[in-house]
């Protein structure tokens, strides 16, 4: 798994996309994407790198790796997807996240983490903290994931026969 830090306060999801792309052999940095694809994502003018649900498929397409996006409804479905060999990556979008490194208080905060593994106990994630980083690998139980008011986003290559 390629570790990638966010390069702007809004590019945590874009960092996760960069990590997935690099793991699939597509060498395209966040800076490259911001420069090449900004016309396709007008919100990047004020919020460089910000992604919402409907942005992912077009972004991967522009990057040369067409994907289909699905959103598991349960933890069991998330585990199945993370362990599915046809899945190229899973990003966890949150509506709440830790307010500080002590992890004592959750605040309303949109954030994205890349899910690296999942089992009945929870997930291991790559937290693409703002550069200079470093990236933080974190383990969370499902009860914490639920408290983040999160949604896993599962990416499969289009026309994947695996």
N, C-alpha and C. Protein backbone atom coordinates (compact mmCIF):
# COMPACT_ATOMS: atom_id res chain seq x y z
N UNK A 1 0.85 -1.18 0.00
CA UNK A 1 0.00 0.00 0.00
C UNK A 1 0.89 1.24 0.00
N UNK A 2 0.58 2.13 -0.91
CA UNK A 2 1.34 3.37 -1.03
C UNK A 2 0.79 4.40 -0.05
N UNK A 3 1.66 4.90 0.82
CA UNK A 3 1.25 5.92 1.80
C UNK A 3 1.31 7.30 1.15
N UNK A 4 0.22 8.07 1.30
CA UNK A 4 0.15 9.39 0.70
C UNK A 4 -0.48 10.36 1.69
N UNK A 5 0.15 11.51 1.88
CA UNK A 5 -0.41 12.58 2.71
C UNK A 5 -1.23 13.53 1.84
N UNK A 6 -2.20 14.18 2.45
CA UNK A 6 -2.96 15.24 1.78
C UNK A 6 -2.03 16.43 1.56
N UNK A 7 -2.21 17.13 0.43
CA UNK A 7 -1.37 18.30 0.16
C UNK A 7 -2.11 19.61 0.38
N UNK A 8 -3.44 19.54 0.58
CA UNK A 8 -4.23 20.72 0.91
C UNK A 8 -5.15 20.34 2.06
N UNK A 9 -5.74 21.31 2.74
CA UNK A 9 -6.67 20.98 3.83
C UNK A 9 -7.91 20.21 3.35
N UNK A 10 -8.16 20.18 2.05
CA UNK A 10 -9.35 19.52 1.51
C UNK A 10 -9.04 18.25 0.73
N UNK A 11 -7.79 17.84 0.65
CA UNK A 11 -7.44 16.76 -0.27
C UNK A 11 -7.20 15.40 0.38
N UNK A 12 -7.82 15.14 1.53
CA UNK A 12 -7.64 13.83 2.16
C UNK A 12 -8.19 12.71 1.26
N UNK A 13 -9.36 12.91 0.65
CA UNK A 13 -9.90 11.89 -0.26
C UNK A 13 -9.05 11.78 -1.51
N UNK A 14 -8.57 12.90 -2.01
CA UNK A 14 -7.71 12.89 -3.19
C UNK A 14 -6.41 12.14 -2.89
N UNK A 15 -5.91 12.26 -1.67
CA UNK A 15 -4.73 11.49 -1.27
C UNK A 15 -5.03 9.99 -1.29
N UNK A 16 -6.22 9.61 -0.83
CA UNK A 16 -6.62 8.20 -0.87
C UNK A 16 -6.71 7.71 -2.32
N UNK A 17 -7.26 8.55 -3.20
CA UNK A 17 -7.33 8.21 -4.62
C UNK A 17 -5.92 8.04 -5.18
N UNK A 18 -5.03 8.97 -4.86
CA UNK A 18 -3.64 8.86 -5.34
C UNK A 18 -3.03 7.54 -4.88
N UNK A 19 -3.24 7.17 -3.64
CA UNK A 19 -2.70 5.92 -3.10
C UNK A 19 -3.24 4.72 -3.89
N UNK A 20 -4.54 4.71 -4.15
CA UNK A 20 -5.15 3.60 -4.91
C UNK A 20 -4.57 3.58 -6.33
N UNK A 21 -4.51 4.74 -6.97
CA UNK A 21 -3.97 4.80 -8.33
C UNK A 21 -2.54 4.26 -8.38
N UNK A 22 -1.70 4.70 -7.46
CA UNK A 22 -0.29 4.25 -7.47
C UNK A 22 -0.21 2.74 -7.25
N UNK A 23 -1.07 2.21 -6.37
CA UNK A 23 -1.06 0.76 -6.15
C UNK A 23 -1.53 -0.01 -7.39
N UNK A 24 -2.23 0.68 -8.29
CA UNK A 24 -2.70 0.06 -9.54
C UNK A 24 -1.79 0.40 -10.71
N UNK A 25 -0.63 1.02 -10.44
CA UNK A 25 0.34 1.31 -11.48
C UNK A 25 0.12 2.63 -12.22
N UNK A 26 -0.77 3.49 -11.70
CA UNK A 26 -1.01 4.79 -12.32
C UNK A 26 -0.27 5.84 -11.50
N UNK A 27 0.78 6.41 -12.08
CA UNK A 27 1.62 7.37 -11.37
C UNK A 27 1.09 8.78 -11.61
N UNK A 28 0.15 9.19 -10.78
CA UNK A 28 -0.50 10.48 -10.91
C UNK A 28 -0.66 11.06 -9.51
N UNK A 29 0.04 12.15 -9.24
CA UNK A 29 0.01 12.76 -7.91
C UNK A 29 -1.21 13.65 -7.74
N UNK A 30 -1.49 14.03 -6.50
CA UNK A 30 -2.56 14.99 -6.24
C UNK A 30 -2.31 16.28 -7.00
N UNK A 31 -1.06 16.75 -6.98
CA UNK A 31 -0.74 17.99 -7.69
C UNK A 31 -1.03 17.86 -9.18
N UNK A 32 -0.66 16.71 -9.76
CA UNK A 32 -0.96 16.46 -11.17
C UNK A 32 -2.47 16.52 -11.41
N UNK A 33 -3.24 15.85 -10.54
CA UNK A 33 -4.69 15.83 -10.71
C UNK A 33 -5.28 17.22 -10.56
N UNK A 34 -4.80 17.99 -9.57
CA UNK A 34 -5.30 19.35 -9.38
C UNK A 34 -5.02 20.21 -10.61
N UNK A 35 -3.87 20.04 -11.21
CA UNK A 35 -3.52 20.84 -12.39
C UNK A 35 -4.26 20.37 -13.64
N UNK A 36 -4.33 19.07 -13.85
CA UNK A 36 -4.89 18.54 -15.09
C UNK A 36 -6.42 18.51 -15.12
N UNK A 37 -7.04 18.31 -13.96
CA UNK A 37 -8.48 18.04 -13.94
C UNK A 37 -9.31 19.14 -13.30
N UNK A 38 -8.71 20.27 -13.00
CA UNK A 38 -9.43 21.33 -12.27
C UNK A 38 -10.65 21.84 -13.02
N UNK A 39 -10.63 21.84 -14.34
CA UNK A 39 -11.80 22.29 -15.09
C UNK A 39 -13.00 21.36 -14.90
N UNK A 40 -12.73 20.10 -14.63
CA UNK A 40 -13.80 19.13 -14.39
C UNK A 40 -14.38 19.22 -12.98
N UNK A 41 -13.65 19.87 -12.08
CA UNK A 41 -14.08 19.99 -10.68
C UNK A 41 -13.97 21.45 -10.25
N UNK A 42 -14.94 22.29 -10.65
CA UNK A 42 -14.86 23.74 -10.39
C UNK A 42 -14.70 24.09 -8.91
N UNK A 43 -15.20 23.25 -8.01
CA UNK A 43 -15.07 23.56 -6.57
C UNK A 43 -13.61 23.57 -6.12
N UNK A 44 -12.72 22.97 -6.92
CA UNK A 44 -11.30 22.95 -6.56
C UNK A 44 -10.70 24.35 -6.58
N UNK A 45 -11.35 25.28 -7.24
CA UNK A 45 -10.83 26.66 -7.25
C UNK A 45 -10.76 27.21 -5.83
N UNK A 46 -11.79 26.94 -5.04
CA UNK A 46 -11.83 27.43 -3.65
C UNK A 46 -11.48 26.37 -2.62
N UNK A 47 -11.61 25.09 -2.98
CA UNK A 47 -11.36 23.98 -2.06
C UNK A 47 -10.56 22.91 -2.79
N UNK A 48 -9.29 23.18 -2.98
CA UNK A 48 -8.42 22.33 -3.81
C UNK A 48 -8.41 20.88 -3.32
N UNK A 49 -8.92 20.00 -4.20
CA UNK A 49 -8.90 18.57 -3.92
C UNK A 49 -10.16 18.02 -3.29
N UNK A 50 -11.11 18.85 -2.95
CA UNK A 50 -12.35 18.38 -2.31
C UNK A 50 -13.10 17.44 -3.24
N UNK A 51 -13.49 16.28 -2.71
CA UNK A 51 -14.26 15.30 -3.46
C UNK A 51 -15.52 14.93 -2.69
N UNK A 52 -16.61 14.77 -3.44
CA UNK A 52 -17.86 14.23 -2.88
C UNK A 52 -18.21 13.00 -3.70
N UNK A 53 -19.21 12.27 -3.26
CA UNK A 53 -19.55 10.97 -3.84
C UNK A 53 -19.58 10.90 -5.35
N UNK A 54 -20.25 11.86 -5.98
CA UNK A 54 -20.40 11.79 -7.44
C UNK A 54 -19.11 12.17 -8.19
N UNK A 55 -18.09 12.59 -7.49
CA UNK A 55 -16.83 12.97 -8.13
C UNK A 55 -15.89 11.79 -8.42
N UNK A 56 -16.04 10.72 -7.67
CA UNK A 56 -15.04 9.65 -7.74
C UNK A 56 -14.97 8.96 -9.09
N UNK A 57 -16.10 8.50 -9.62
CA UNK A 57 -16.05 7.79 -10.90
C UNK A 57 -15.47 8.66 -12.01
N UNK A 58 -15.93 9.93 -12.16
CA UNK A 58 -15.30 10.77 -13.20
C UNK A 58 -13.81 11.00 -12.96
N UNK A 59 -13.40 11.14 -11.71
CA UNK A 59 -11.98 11.36 -11.42
C UNK A 59 -11.15 10.14 -11.82
N UNK A 60 -11.58 8.96 -11.42
CA UNK A 60 -10.84 7.76 -11.80
C UNK A 60 -10.81 7.61 -13.32
N UNK A 61 -11.91 7.94 -13.99
CA UNK A 61 -11.96 7.89 -15.46
C UNK A 61 -10.91 8.82 -16.06
N UNK A 62 -10.87 10.06 -15.57
CA UNK A 62 -9.88 11.02 -16.07
C UNK A 62 -8.45 10.54 -15.82
N UNK A 63 -8.27 9.82 -14.73
CA UNK A 63 -6.94 9.31 -14.37
C UNK A 63 -6.56 8.08 -15.19
N UNK A 64 -7.49 7.58 -16.00
CA UNK A 64 -7.19 6.43 -16.84
C UNK A 64 -7.48 5.09 -16.21
N UNK A 65 -8.23 5.08 -15.11
CA UNK A 65 -8.58 3.85 -14.43
C UNK A 65 -10.09 3.86 -14.14
N UNK A 66 -10.90 3.54 -15.15
CA UNK A 66 -12.35 3.57 -14.95
C UNK A 66 -12.79 2.59 -13.85
N UNK A 67 -13.66 3.06 -12.98
CA UNK A 67 -14.14 2.24 -11.87
C UNK A 67 -15.65 2.34 -11.77
N UNK A 68 -16.20 1.37 -11.04
CA UNK A 68 -17.58 1.48 -10.59
C UNK A 68 -17.52 1.64 -9.08
N UNK A 69 -18.40 2.47 -8.57
CA UNK A 69 -18.45 2.78 -7.14
C UNK A 69 -19.68 2.11 -6.54
N UNK A 70 -19.49 1.49 -5.39
CA UNK A 70 -20.62 0.97 -4.63
C UNK A 70 -20.44 1.36 -3.17
N UNK A 71 -21.55 1.37 -2.45
CA UNK A 71 -21.54 1.78 -1.04
C UNK A 71 -22.19 0.70 -0.19
N UNK A 72 -21.39 -0.12 0.49
CA UNK A 72 -21.94 -1.18 1.32
C UNK A 72 -22.84 -0.60 2.42
N UNK A 73 -23.89 -1.34 2.74
CA UNK A 73 -24.86 -0.88 3.75
C UNK A 73 -24.56 -1.41 5.14
N UNK A 74 -23.73 -2.45 5.24
CA UNK A 74 -23.47 -3.06 6.54
C UNK A 74 -21.97 -3.29 6.72
N UNK A 75 -21.59 -3.54 7.97
CA UNK A 75 -20.19 -3.86 8.25
C UNK A 75 -19.80 -5.16 7.55
N UNK A 76 -20.70 -6.15 7.55
CA UNK A 76 -20.41 -7.44 6.91
C UNK A 76 -20.15 -7.24 5.41
N UNK A 77 -20.95 -6.40 4.77
CA UNK A 77 -20.72 -6.11 3.35
C UNK A 77 -19.39 -5.40 3.14
N UNK A 78 -19.05 -4.51 4.05
CA UNK A 78 -17.76 -3.82 3.95
C UNK A 78 -16.61 -4.81 4.04
N UNK A 79 -16.68 -5.72 5.00
CA UNK A 79 -15.63 -6.74 5.15
C UNK A 79 -15.52 -7.55 3.87
N UNK A 80 -16.66 -8.00 3.34
CA UNK A 80 -16.65 -8.78 2.09
C UNK A 80 -16.00 -8.01 0.96
N UNK A 81 -16.34 -6.72 0.84
CA UNK A 81 -15.79 -5.91 -0.25
C UNK A 81 -14.29 -5.68 -0.09
N UNK A 82 -13.85 -5.37 1.12
CA UNK A 82 -12.42 -5.12 1.34
C UNK A 82 -11.61 -6.36 1.00
N UNK A 83 -12.18 -7.53 1.22
CA UNK A 83 -11.47 -8.78 0.97
C UNK A 83 -11.74 -9.37 -0.41
N UNK A 84 -12.50 -8.68 -1.24
CA UNK A 84 -12.81 -9.13 -2.60
C UNK A 84 -11.63 -8.79 -3.52
N UNK A 85 -11.04 -9.77 -4.20
CA UNK A 85 -9.88 -9.48 -5.04
C UNK A 85 -10.17 -8.56 -6.23
N UNK A 86 -11.43 -8.38 -6.59
CA UNK A 86 -11.74 -7.46 -7.69
C UNK A 86 -11.84 -6.01 -7.25
N UNK A 87 -11.80 -5.78 -5.94
CA UNK A 87 -11.85 -4.41 -5.40
C UNK A 87 -10.44 -3.84 -5.41
N UNK A 88 -10.30 -2.65 -5.99
CA UNK A 88 -8.97 -2.03 -6.06
C UNK A 88 -8.72 -1.05 -4.92
N UNK A 89 -9.78 -0.68 -4.20
CA UNK A 89 -9.60 0.22 -3.07
C UNK A 89 -10.92 0.56 -2.41
N UNK A 90 -10.83 0.92 -1.13
CA UNK A 90 -12.00 1.34 -0.36
C UNK A 90 -11.62 2.60 0.42
N UNK A 91 -12.44 3.62 0.27
CA UNK A 91 -12.26 4.87 1.00
C UNK A 91 -13.42 5.02 1.97
N UNK A 92 -13.10 5.42 3.20
CA UNK A 92 -14.12 5.66 4.21
C UNK A 92 -14.33 7.16 4.33
N UNK A 93 -15.49 7.62 3.93
CA UNK A 93 -15.84 9.03 4.10
C UNK A 93 -16.55 9.20 5.43
N UNK A 94 -16.14 10.19 6.21
CA UNK A 94 -16.75 10.41 7.52
C UNK A 94 -17.42 11.78 7.60
N UNK A 95 -18.41 11.87 8.46
CA UNK A 95 -19.04 13.16 8.76
C UNK A 95 -18.58 13.70 10.10
N UNK A 96 -17.96 12.82 10.89
CA UNK A 96 -17.41 13.19 12.19
C UNK A 96 -16.03 12.55 12.29
N UNK A 97 -15.12 13.26 12.98
CA UNK A 97 -13.79 12.69 13.18
C UNK A 97 -13.20 13.31 14.44
N UNK A 98 -12.05 12.81 14.84
CA UNK A 98 -11.42 13.28 16.07
C UNK A 98 -11.09 14.77 15.98
N UNK A 99 -11.37 15.47 17.06
CA UNK A 99 -11.09 16.90 17.11
C UNK A 99 -9.63 17.22 17.38
N UNK A 100 -8.90 16.25 17.93
CA UNK A 100 -7.48 16.45 18.21
C UNK A 100 -6.81 15.08 18.34
N UNK A 101 -5.49 15.03 18.39
CA UNK A 101 -4.77 13.75 18.44
C UNK A 101 -5.07 12.89 19.67
N UNK A 102 -5.65 13.46 20.72
CA UNK A 102 -5.94 12.67 21.91
C UNK A 102 -7.08 11.67 21.67
N UNK A 103 -7.84 11.87 20.60
CA UNK A 103 -8.96 11.00 20.25
C UNK A 103 -10.01 10.92 21.35
N UNK A 104 -10.24 12.02 22.04
CA UNK A 104 -11.24 12.03 23.12
C UNK A 104 -12.56 12.61 22.67
N UNK A 105 -12.53 13.48 21.67
CA UNK A 105 -13.74 14.18 21.27
C UNK A 105 -13.91 14.11 19.76
N UNK A 106 -15.13 13.74 19.36
CA UNK A 106 -15.48 13.77 17.93
C UNK A 106 -16.09 15.12 17.61
N UNK A 107 -15.75 15.63 16.44
CA UNK A 107 -16.34 16.89 15.98
C UNK A 107 -16.95 16.67 14.60
N UNK A 108 -17.88 17.53 14.21
CA UNK A 108 -18.41 17.48 12.86
C UNK A 108 -17.28 17.88 11.92
N UNK A 109 -16.88 16.93 11.11
CA UNK A 109 -15.71 17.15 10.26
C UNK A 109 -15.72 16.11 9.15
N UNK A 110 -15.79 16.58 7.91
CA UNK A 110 -15.69 15.64 6.81
C UNK A 110 -14.23 15.25 6.67
N UNK A 111 -13.99 13.94 6.57
CA UNK A 111 -12.63 13.43 6.42
C UNK A 111 -12.69 12.13 5.63
N UNK A 112 -11.58 11.74 5.05
CA UNK A 112 -11.50 10.48 4.30
C UNK A 112 -10.29 9.70 4.75
N UNK A 113 -10.48 8.39 4.86
CA UNK A 113 -9.43 7.45 5.22
C UNK A 113 -9.46 6.33 4.19
N UNK A 114 -8.34 5.75 3.89
CA UNK A 114 -8.32 4.58 3.02
C UNK A 114 -8.37 3.34 3.90
N UNK A 115 -9.34 2.47 3.65
CA UNK A 115 -9.42 1.21 4.39
C UNK A 115 -8.43 0.23 3.78
N UNK A 116 -7.56 -0.30 4.62
CA UNK A 116 -6.53 -1.24 4.17
C UNK A 116 -6.93 -2.69 4.40
N UNK A 117 -7.63 -2.92 5.51
CA UNK A 117 -8.10 -4.27 5.82
C UNK A 117 -9.33 -4.14 6.71
N UNK A 118 -10.11 -5.22 6.73
CA UNK A 118 -11.33 -5.24 7.55
C UNK A 118 -11.63 -6.67 7.96
N UNK A 119 -12.07 -6.81 9.19
CA UNK A 119 -12.52 -8.11 9.68
C UNK A 119 -13.61 -7.87 10.73
N UNK A 120 -14.02 -8.91 11.41
CA UNK A 120 -15.13 -8.79 12.36
C UNK A 120 -14.82 -7.84 13.52
N UNK A 121 -13.55 -7.53 13.73
CA UNK A 121 -13.16 -6.64 14.83
C UNK A 121 -13.15 -5.17 14.44
N UNK A 122 -12.99 -4.89 13.13
CA UNK A 122 -12.92 -3.50 12.69
C UNK A 122 -12.07 -3.34 11.45
N UNK A 123 -11.47 -2.17 11.31
CA UNK A 123 -10.69 -1.86 10.11
C UNK A 123 -9.32 -1.30 10.47
N UNK A 124 -8.41 -1.44 9.52
CA UNK A 124 -7.13 -0.75 9.57
C UNK A 124 -7.18 0.27 8.44
N UNK A 125 -6.80 1.51 8.76
CA UNK A 125 -6.91 2.58 7.78
C UNK A 125 -5.59 3.32 7.60
N UNK A 126 -5.49 3.97 6.46
CA UNK A 126 -4.43 4.94 6.20
C UNK A 126 -5.09 6.31 6.37
N UNK A 127 -4.61 7.08 7.33
CA UNK A 127 -5.11 8.44 7.54
C UNK A 127 -4.15 9.38 6.82
N UNK A 128 -4.60 9.99 5.70
CA UNK A 128 -3.71 10.84 4.91
C UNK A 128 -3.59 12.25 5.47
N UNK A 129 -3.03 12.35 6.65
CA UNK A 129 -2.92 13.65 7.31
C UNK A 129 -2.23 14.66 6.40
N UNK A 130 -2.49 15.92 6.67
CA UNK A 130 -1.94 17.00 5.85
C UNK A 130 -0.42 16.96 5.88
N UNK A 131 0.18 17.06 4.70
CA UNK A 131 1.63 17.09 4.58
C UNK A 131 2.19 18.19 5.46
N UNK A 132 3.25 18.04 6.16
CA UNK A 132 4.30 17.07 5.90
C UNK A 132 4.08 15.70 6.54
N UNK A 133 2.91 15.46 7.08
CA UNK A 133 2.60 14.11 7.56
C UNK A 133 3.26 13.81 8.89
N UNK A 134 3.61 12.62 9.16
CA UNK A 134 3.54 11.45 8.29
C UNK A 134 2.15 10.83 8.28
N UNK A 135 1.89 9.99 7.27
CA UNK A 135 0.66 9.21 7.22
C UNK A 135 0.54 8.43 8.52
N UNK A 136 -0.68 8.22 8.98
CA UNK A 136 -0.91 7.47 10.21
C UNK A 136 -1.72 6.22 9.86
N UNK A 137 -1.20 5.06 10.24
CA UNK A 137 -1.95 3.81 10.08
C UNK A 137 -2.68 3.59 11.40
N UNK A 138 -4.02 3.47 11.30
CA UNK A 138 -4.86 3.40 12.51
C UNK A 138 -5.79 2.20 12.44
N UNK A 139 -6.06 1.61 13.60
CA UNK A 139 -7.03 0.52 13.71
C UNK A 139 -8.22 1.05 14.50
N UNK A 140 -9.42 0.75 13.98
CA UNK A 140 -10.65 1.17 14.65
C UNK A 140 -11.62 0.01 14.72
N UNK A 141 -12.29 -0.13 15.86
CA UNK A 141 -13.38 -1.08 15.98
C UNK A 141 -14.61 -0.55 15.26
N UNK A 142 -15.53 -1.44 14.97
CA UNK A 142 -16.74 -1.04 14.23
C UNK A 142 -17.57 -0.01 14.98
N UNK A 143 -17.53 -0.05 16.31
CA UNK A 143 -18.31 0.94 17.07
C UNK A 143 -17.75 2.35 16.86
N UNK A 144 -16.44 2.48 16.71
CA UNK A 144 -15.84 3.78 16.43
C UNK A 144 -16.19 4.21 15.01
N UNK A 145 -16.08 3.27 14.06
CA UNK A 145 -16.44 3.59 12.68
C UNK A 145 -17.88 4.09 12.62
N UNK A 146 -18.76 3.46 13.36
CA UNK A 146 -20.16 3.91 13.39
C UNK A 146 -20.27 5.31 13.97
N UNK A 147 -19.48 5.62 14.98
CA UNK A 147 -19.53 6.95 15.60
C UNK A 147 -19.03 8.04 14.66
N UNK A 148 -18.22 7.67 13.66
CA UNK A 148 -17.75 8.64 12.67
C UNK A 148 -18.85 9.04 11.69
N UNK A 149 -20.02 8.37 11.78
CA UNK A 149 -21.10 8.61 10.80
C UNK A 149 -20.52 8.48 9.40
N UNK A 150 -19.98 7.30 9.12
CA UNK A 150 -19.17 7.08 7.93
C UNK A 150 -19.89 6.30 6.84
N UNK A 151 -19.32 6.37 5.65
CA UNK A 151 -19.79 5.60 4.50
C UNK A 151 -18.58 5.05 3.74
N UNK A 152 -18.46 3.72 3.68
CA UNK A 152 -17.40 3.15 2.85
C UNK A 152 -17.76 3.32 1.36
N UNK A 153 -16.75 3.63 0.58
CA UNK A 153 -16.88 3.77 -0.87
C UNK A 153 -15.96 2.73 -1.50
N UNK A 154 -16.55 1.79 -2.22
CA UNK A 154 -15.82 0.65 -2.77
C UNK A 154 -15.61 0.85 -4.26
N UNK A 155 -14.37 0.65 -4.71
CA UNK A 155 -14.02 0.86 -6.10
C UNK A 155 -13.56 -0.44 -6.75
N UNK A 156 -14.22 -0.77 -7.86
CA UNK A 156 -13.83 -1.92 -8.69
C UNK A 156 -13.53 -1.38 -10.09
N UNK A 157 -12.52 -1.99 -10.72
CA UNK A 157 -12.26 -1.65 -12.12
C UNK A 157 -13.52 -1.94 -12.92
N UNK A 158 -13.84 -1.06 -13.84
CA UNK A 158 -14.96 -1.34 -14.74
C UNK A 158 -14.61 -2.55 -15.58
N UNK A 159 -15.61 -3.38 -15.82
CA UNK A 159 -15.44 -4.58 -16.63
C UNK A 159 -14.44 -5.55 -16.02
N UNK A 160 -14.33 -5.54 -14.68
CA UNK A 160 -13.41 -6.44 -14.00
C UNK A 160 -13.95 -7.88 -14.11
N UNK A 161 -13.10 -8.78 -14.54
CA UNK A 161 -13.49 -10.18 -14.64
C UNK A 161 -12.92 -11.01 -13.50
N UNK A 162 -12.32 -10.38 -12.53
CA UNK A 162 -11.71 -11.11 -11.41
C UNK A 162 -12.79 -11.57 -10.47
